Amino acid sequence: MKKYLFALVLVTFTTVCMSQEIRYGVRGALNISNLDFDPDADFANQHRNGFAFGGFVDFGFTDKVSLLTGLQWSAEGGKDESIRADYIKMPILLRFSLSDRFILGVGPQAALKTWKDRDGFATFTASGVVGLEYMITDELFIDARATYGFSNILDQDFTDDKAKNHVLQFGFGIKI
């Protein structure tokens, strides 16, 4: 099994290195996030408005297909101070050009919490991302992303409750 995994990583790395085009950029976004509790929360669970910012690398395989990886800081969770969750995230999006201006992306996202002083939250979370990007020019773009949390963000050592993070992002950025 390890040999197959190593071969897959090697082939992926080789493919990325032989990409037609590599573009770098920065992106900022407005977040609208909320937590989905199981069982339902016994308090008013309201969404949190926050922001995200980071950088990315877009590896173009063909004119129509690319792989975007990035690192971003993101303010998420609920509105109440006790359930705010800030993360360093790494999305990996397989992207498909729908036209000259529209690009659809889908993929996984890993996240690490960025604070030490708040117990009760898991250190690592995983989610899925889908996004649509519109190229204003060859460098400037706007986008929208929806993130659906797969893993429980609450530390099981502190509570039996489960909560998953869901985020809508409305972003803008520049490719260099």
Protein backbone atom coordinates (compact mmCIF):
# COMPACT_ATOMS: atom_id res chain seq x y z
CA MET A 1 0.00 0.00 0.00
CA LYS A 2 2.85 2.37 0.86
CA LYS A 3 4.40 1.76 -2.56
CA TYR A 4 1.16 2.72 -4.30
CA LEU A 5 0.81 5.85 -2.18
CA PHE A 6 4.43 6.81 -2.90
CA ALA A 7 3.88 6.23 -6.63
CA LEU A 8 0.74 8.38 -6.57
CA VAL A 9 2.58 11.22 -4.79
CA LEU A 10 5.50 10.94 -7.22
CA VAL A 11 3.23 11.03 -10.28
CA THR A 12 1.27 13.98 -8.86
CA PHE A 13 4.47 15.89 -8.05
CA THR A 14 5.90 15.18 -11.51
CA THR A 15 2.68 16.29 -13.17
CA VAL A 16 2.59 19.51 -11.16
CA CYS A 17 6.24 20.25 -11.94
CA MET A 18 5.58 19.80 -15.66
CA SER A 19 2.60 22.13 -15.58
CA GLN A 20 2.05 24.52 -18.46
CA GLU A 21 1.70 27.55 -16.24
CA ILE A 22 2.24 28.38 -12.59
CA ARG A 23 0.61 31.52 -11.19
CA TYR A 24 0.85 33.00 -7.71
CA GLY A 25 -1.51 35.38 -6.02
CA VAL A 26 -3.18 36.81 -2.95
CA ARG A 27 -6.83 36.71 -1.95
CA GLY A 28 -9.04 38.35 0.66
CA ALA A 29 -12.61 37.39 1.52
CA LEU A 30 -15.63 38.17 3.64
CA ASN A 31 -16.78 35.14 5.66
CA ILE A 32 -20.30 34.31 6.76
CA SER A 33 -19.95 31.26 9.01
CA ASN A 34 -21.97 29.26 11.47
CA LEU A 35 -21.77 26.07 13.48
CA ASP A 36 -24.18 23.19 13.04
CA PHE A 37 -24.58 21.54 16.47
CA ASP A 38 -25.66 17.95 17.13
CA PRO A 39 -27.70 17.88 19.31
CA ASP A 40 -29.04 21.39 18.70
CA ALA A 41 -27.43 24.12 20.78
CA ASP A 42 -29.28 25.27 23.88
CA PHE A 43 -28.47 28.93 23.13
CA ALA A 44 -29.03 31.38 20.27
CA ASN A 45 -26.54 30.16 17.68
CA GLN A 46 -26.01 33.08 15.29
CA HIS A 47 -23.70 33.34 12.29
CA ARG A 48 -20.40 35.18 12.50
CA ASN A 49 -19.20 37.70 9.95
CA GLY A 50 -15.45 37.65 9.61
CA PHE A 51 -12.74 37.77 7.01
CA ALA A 52 -10.05 35.64 5.45
CA PHE A 53 -6.79 36.44 3.69
CA GLY A 54 -3.93 34.45 2.25
CA GLY A 55 -1.88 33.44 -0.73
CA PHE A 56 -2.13 30.71 -3.33
CA VAL A 57 -0.35 28.91 -6.15
CA ASP A 58 -2.29 27.81 -9.24
CA PHE A 59 -0.69 24.97 -11.23
CA GLY A 60 -2.11 24.89 -14.77
CA PHE A 61 -2.21 21.38 -16.23
CA THR A 62 -3.97 22.41 -19.43
CA ASP A 63 -5.85 25.50 -20.62
CA LYS A 64 -8.98 24.10 -18.95
CA VAL A 65 -7.71 22.28 -15.81
CA SER A 66 -5.57 23.48 -12.90
CA LEU A 67 -4.80 22.69 -9.28
CA LEU A 68 -4.94 25.55 -6.78
CA THR A 69 -3.30 25.22 -3.36
CA GLY A 70 -3.08 27.95 -0.79
CA LEU A 71 -2.74 29.01 2.81
CA GLN A 72 -5.23 31.37 4.38
CA TRP A 73 -6.15 32.70 7.80
CA SER A 74 -9.91 32.59 8.35
CA ALA A 75 -12.19 33.92 11.12
CA GLU A 76 -15.05 31.46 11.53
CA GLY A 77 -17.43 29.86 14.01
CA GLY A 78 -20.46 31.44 15.64
CA LYS A 79 -21.17 35.01 16.74
CA ASP A 80 -20.83 34.32 20.47
CA GLU A 81 -17.26 34.86 21.71
CA SER A 82 -17.12 31.35 23.24
CA ILE A 83 -17.71 29.62 19.88
CA ARG A 84 -15.49 31.68 17.60
CA ALA A 85 -12.98 29.59 15.70
CA ASP A 86 -10.02 31.06 13.80
CA TYR A 87 -7.97 28.82 11.52
CA ILE A 88 -5.02 28.53 9.19
CA LYS A 89 -6.50 26.67 6.22
CA MET A 90 -5.06 24.87 3.24
CA PRO A 91 -7.55 24.40 0.41
CA ILE A 92 -6.63 22.13 -2.50
CA LEU A 93 -9.00 22.80 -5.39
CA LEU A 94 -9.14 20.98 -8.70
CA ARG A 95 -10.34 23.70 -11.07
CA PHE A 96 -12.10 23.55 -14.42
CA SER A 97 -12.54 26.49 -16.80
CA LEU A 98 -16.18 26.76 -17.79
CA SER A 99 -15.47 29.68 -20.16
CA ASP A 100 -12.86 32.41 -20.65
CA ARG A 101 -14.01 34.10 -17.43
CA PHE A 102 -15.62 31.45 -15.18
CA ILE A 103 -13.71 28.76 -13.26
CA LEU A 104 -15.27 26.06 -11.06
CA GLY A 105 -13.19 24.53 -8.26
CA VAL A 106 -13.81 21.64 -5.89
CA GLY A 107 -11.68 19.84 -3.33
CA PRO A 108 -10.71 19.19 0.29
CA GLN A 109 -9.49 21.64 2.88
CA ALA A 110 -7.46 21.03 6.04
CA ALA A 111 -7.47 23.51 8.94
CA LEU A 112 -5.48 24.09 12.14
CA LYS A 113 -6.79 26.27 14.96
CA THR A 114 -4.74 29.42 15.57
CA TRP A 115 -5.30 30.12 19.25
CA LYS A 116 -3.89 28.43 22.36
CA ASP A 117 -5.90 30.03 25.13
CA ARG A 118 -9.26 28.47 24.29
CA ASP A 119 -9.84 24.83 25.22
CA GLY A 120 -12.69 22.77 23.87
CA PHE A 121 -11.85 22.95 20.16
CA ALA A 122 -10.16 20.27 18.09
CA THR A 123 -6.72 21.21 16.75
CA PHE A 124 -7.31 19.81 13.24
CA THR A 125 -10.47 19.87 11.11
CA ALA A 126 -11.33 18.78 7.58
CA SER A 127 -13.90 20.12 5.16
CA GLY A 128 -14.93 20.17 1.52
CA VAL A 129 -14.90 23.29 -0.64
CA VAL A 130 -16.67 24.25 -3.85
CA GLY A 131 -16.12 27.61 -5.49
CA LEU A 132 -16.84 29.70 -8.55
CA GLU A 133 -14.38 32.34 -9.77
CA TYR A 134 -14.97 35.16 -12.25
CA MET A 135 -11.93 36.71 -13.94
CA ILE A 136 -12.45 40.48 -14.27
CA THR A 137 -9.12 40.85 -16.09
CA ASP A 138 -6.27 38.40 -16.63
CA GLU A 139 -5.03 39.25 -13.12
CA LEU A 140 -8.04 40.43 -11.04
CA PHE A 141 -10.84 38.13 -9.95
CA ILE A 142 -13.82 37.81 -7.64
CA ASP A 143 -15.05 34.50 -6.27
CA ALA A 144 -17.50 32.75 -4.01
CA ARG A 145 -16.73 29.61 -2.02
CA ALA A 146 -18.86 27.34 0.13
CA THR A 147 -17.16 25.20 2.78
CA TYR A 148 -18.89 22.27 4.44
CA GLY A 149 -17.24 20.86 7.56
CA PHE A 150 -16.77 17.07 7.65
CA SER A 151 -15.17 16.80 11.07
CA ASN A 152 -16.27 17.77 14.55
CA ILE A 153 -14.57 21.02 15.61
CA LEU A 154 -15.21 20.37 19.31
CA ASP A 155 -12.65 18.46 21.38
CA GLN A 156 -14.19 15.18 22.56
CA ASP A 157 -12.24 15.43 25.84
CA PHE A 158 -14.39 18.43 26.81
CA THR A 159 -17.87 17.63 25.49
CA ASP A 160 -19.98 14.92 23.86
CA ASP A 161 -21.63 17.52 21.61
CA LYS A 162 -20.64 17.75 17.99
CA ALA A 163 -20.37 20.86 15.82
CA LYS A 164 -19.42 21.30 12.19
CA ASN A 165 -18.36 24.59 10.65
CA HIS A 166 -20.07 25.88 7.49
CA VAL A 167 -18.74 28.96 5.70
CA LEU A 168 -19.67 31.12 2.73
CA GLN A 169 -16.80 33.27 1.44
CA PHE A 170 -17.04 36.16 -1.00
CA GLY A 171 -13.54 37.02 -2.13
CA PHE A 172 -11.39 39.11 -4.40
CA GLY A 173 -7.81 38.66 -5.43
CA ILE A 174 -4.99 39.21 -7.83
CA LYS A 175 -2.82 36.76 -9.76
CA ILE A 176 0.77 37.70 -10.46
